[in-house]
């Protein structure tokens, strides 16, 4: 992961009109709101068009990017470790991914919910919930208590 992080930092350092942000909890690079390269637990991933994806897969025996088991992302490929050690070739592929991302329609960032206060983020503490609203009070009606009286049968001799 260290090599992937270093390769990512070196590759996106001098790119123009590129923003960095987070996706899948890791660093990624965006152009016009579209991600084109990023880090993940597996290492580095690239967003490539169909023609380049097939070439990338054939040349480097790369796999499709799978951020969660069973969830393949069609346009993304995982960068093999041996390509991380060839910075010149990796920069070329990142450049191709950037060129592809620039052709995509611009996306606007969605507003995110603010993070919970720090006390709620601590492990083991549950966020406090608001109490459910109480129902309106019932109109008081008083009724006499119901008394059931049983008669005793007595046996006369």
Protein backbone atom coordinates (compact mmCIF):
# COMPACT_ATOMS: atom_id res chain seq x y z
CA UNK A 1 0.00 0.00 0.00
CA UNK A 2 2.94 2.35 0.67
CA UNK A 3 4.19 1.93 -2.89
CA UNK A 4 0.70 2.65 -4.25
CA UNK A 5 0.40 5.76 -2.05
CA UNK A 6 3.80 7.03 -3.20
CA UNK A 7 3.00 6.31 -6.87
CA UNK A 8 -0.34 8.10 -6.55
CA UNK A 9 1.22 11.17 -4.91
CA UNK A 10 3.97 11.39 -7.54
CA UNK A 11 1.56 10.91 -10.44
CA UNK A 12 -1.02 13.55 -9.48
CA UNK A 13 1.37 16.12 -8.01
CA UNK A 14 1.81 18.26 -11.14
CA UNK A 15 -1.45 17.64 -13.01
CA UNK A 16 -3.46 20.73 -13.97
CA UNK A 17 -7.13 21.21 -13.07
CA UNK A 18 -7.11 18.09 -10.91
CA UNK A 19 -8.65 17.96 -7.46
CA UNK A 20 -7.87 15.39 -4.84
CA UNK A 21 -10.49 14.02 -2.49
CA UNK A 22 -11.64 10.81 -0.90
CA UNK A 23 -13.66 7.92 -2.25
CA UNK A 24 -13.98 4.50 -0.62
CA UNK A 25 -12.23 6.08 2.36
CA UNK A 26 -8.96 6.65 0.44
CA UNK A 27 -7.32 9.38 -1.65
CA UNK A 28 -8.49 9.83 -5.24
CA UNK A 29 -7.96 12.34 -8.04
CA UNK A 30 -10.88 14.01 -9.83
CA UNK A 31 -11.30 16.13 -12.93
CA UNK A 32 -14.65 17.88 -13.49
CA UNK A 33 -16.00 15.87 -10.56
CA UNK A 34 -15.11 12.51 -12.17
CA UNK A 35 -12.62 10.20 -10.51
CA UNK A 36 -9.87 8.87 -12.78
CA UNK A 37 -7.31 7.36 -10.37
CA UNK A 38 -7.37 6.46 -6.71
CA UNK A 39 -6.17 4.34 -3.85
CA UNK A 40 -7.98 1.38 -2.36
CA UNK A 41 -7.12 -1.48 -0.04
CA UNK A 42 -5.96 -3.46 -3.09
CA UNK A 43 -3.63 -0.66 -4.18
CA UNK A 44 -4.24 1.72 -7.08
CA UNK A 45 -7.15 1.79 -9.54
CA UNK A 46 -7.69 3.59 -12.87
CA UNK A 47 -10.80 4.59 -14.80
CA UNK A 48 -10.37 3.69 -18.46
CA UNK A 49 -12.61 3.51 -21.56
CA UNK A 50 -13.43 0.09 -23.08
CA UNK A 51 -10.67 0.07 -25.68
CA UNK A 52 -7.96 1.00 -23.20
CA UNK A 53 -9.32 -1.36 -20.54
CA UNK A 54 -8.94 -4.32 -22.87
CA UNK A 55 -5.40 -3.27 -23.77
CA UNK A 56 -4.52 -2.68 -20.08
CA UNK A 57 -5.93 -6.08 -19.11
CA UNK A 58 -4.03 -7.85 -21.90
CA UNK A 59 -0.68 -6.11 -21.27
CA UNK A 60 -0.61 -6.26 -17.49
CA UNK A 61 -2.92 -9.15 -16.60
CA UNK A 62 -4.94 -6.61 -14.61
CA UNK A 63 -8.27 -7.31 -12.95
CA UNK A 64 -11.42 -5.26 -12.81
CA UNK A 65 -11.70 -3.09 -9.72
CA UNK A 66 -13.83 -4.67 -7.01
CA UNK A 67 -14.26 -2.26 -4.06
CA UNK A 68 -16.47 -4.81 -2.24
CA UNK A 69 -16.66 -8.56 -2.83
CA UNK A 70 -19.04 -9.25 -5.70
CA UNK A 71 -19.32 -5.60 -6.73
CA UNK A 72 -17.28 -4.98 -9.89
CA UNK A 73 -17.05 -1.46 -11.27
CA UNK A 74 -17.06 -1.77 -15.06
CA UNK A 75 -14.93 1.24 -16.00
CA UNK A 76 -12.22 0.71 -13.39
CA UNK A 77 -9.15 -1.51 -13.39
CA UNK A 78 -6.82 -2.47 -10.54
CA UNK A 79 -3.19 -1.55 -11.18
CA UNK A 80 -0.90 -4.58 -10.71
CA UNK A 81 1.99 -4.21 -8.24
CA UNK A 82 4.67 -4.64 -10.90
CA UNK A 83 3.35 -1.57 -12.75
CA UNK A 84 3.87 0.51 -9.59
CA UNK A 85 7.60 -0.10 -10.03
CA UNK A 86 7.55 1.35 -13.56
CA UNK A 87 6.71 5.01 -12.87
CA UNK A 88 7.05 6.14 -16.50
CA UNK A 89 4.56 3.62 -17.81
CA UNK A 90 2.25 4.19 -14.83
CA UNK A 91 2.23 7.95 -15.58
CA UNK A 92 1.26 7.17 -19.18
CA UNK A 93 -1.72 5.09 -18.03
CA UNK A 94 -2.76 7.75 -15.51
CA UNK A 95 -2.52 10.31 -18.33
CA UNK A 96 -4.83 8.15 -20.45
CA UNK A 97 -7.25 7.84 -17.55
CA UNK A 98 -7.16 11.63 -17.10
CA UNK A 99 -7.82 12.19 -20.82
CA UNK A 100 -10.80 9.84 -20.65
CA UNK A 101 -12.20 11.54 -17.52
CA UNK A 102 -11.97 14.95 -19.23
CA UNK A 103 -14.31 13.69 -21.97
CA UNK A 104 -16.99 12.73 -19.43
CA UNK A 105 -19.76 15.17 -18.50
CA UNK A 106 -18.95 17.30 -15.48
CA UNK A 107 -20.47 16.18 -12.18
CA UNK A 108 -21.37 18.38 -9.30
CA UNK A 109 -20.40 17.27 -5.84
CA UNK A 110 -23.26 16.25 -3.62
CA UNK A 111 -23.65 17.96 -0.28
CA UNK A 112 -22.66 15.63 2.51
CA UNK A 113 -24.23 15.39 5.91
CA UNK A 114 -22.08 17.00 8.58
CA UNK A 115 -20.05 14.62 10.71
CA UNK A 116 -21.51 13.79 14.10
CA UNK A 117 -20.02 15.57 17.12
CA UNK A 118 -16.80 13.97 18.41
CA UNK A 119 -18.44 12.44 21.49
CA UNK A 120 -20.64 10.32 19.23
CA UNK A 121 -17.70 9.16 17.15
CA UNK A 122 -15.94 7.48 20.03
CA UNK A 123 -15.97 3.76 19.85
CA UNK A 124 -18.52 2.08 22.06
CA UNK A 125 -20.69 5.13 22.58
CA UNK A 126 -24.07 5.20 20.97
CA UNK A 127 -25.43 8.43 19.57
CA UNK A 128 -28.17 9.86 21.73
CA UNK A 129 -31.57 9.61 20.21
CA UNK A 130 -34.37 12.02 20.62
CA UNK A 131 -37.20 10.76 22.76
CA UNK A 132 -40.32 9.81 20.88
CA UNK A 133 -43.02 12.45 21.14
CA UNK A 134 -45.56 11.75 23.83
CA UNK A 135 -49.16 11.26 22.80
CA UNK A 136 -51.55 14.03 23.77
CA UNK A 137 -53.16 13.56 27.20
CA UNK A 138 -56.47 11.76 27.23
CA UNK A 139 -59.54 13.56 28.34
CA UNK A 140 -60.16 12.48 31.88
CA UNK A 141 -63.37 10.64 32.38
CA UNK A 142 -64.16 9.21 35.72
CA UNK A 143 -66.30 6.17 36.07
CA UNK A 144 -67.34 4.36 39.15
CA UNK A 145 -65.35 1.24 39.81
CA UNK A 146 -67.12 -1.91 38.83
CA UNK A 147 -67.82 -4.23 41.74
CA UNK A 148 -68.91 -7.78 41.22
CA UNK A 149 -70.76 -9.28 44.14
CA UNK A 150 -71.40 -12.97 44.32
CA UNK A 151 -74.18 -14.30 46.50
CA UNK A 152 -73.35 -17.13 48.80
CA UNK A 153 -75.62 -20.04 48.83
CA UNK A 154 -76.35 -21.38 52.16
CA UNK A 155 -77.79 -24.77 52.86
CA UNK A 156 -80.70 -24.80 55.24
CA UNK A 157 -81.08 -28.00 57.30
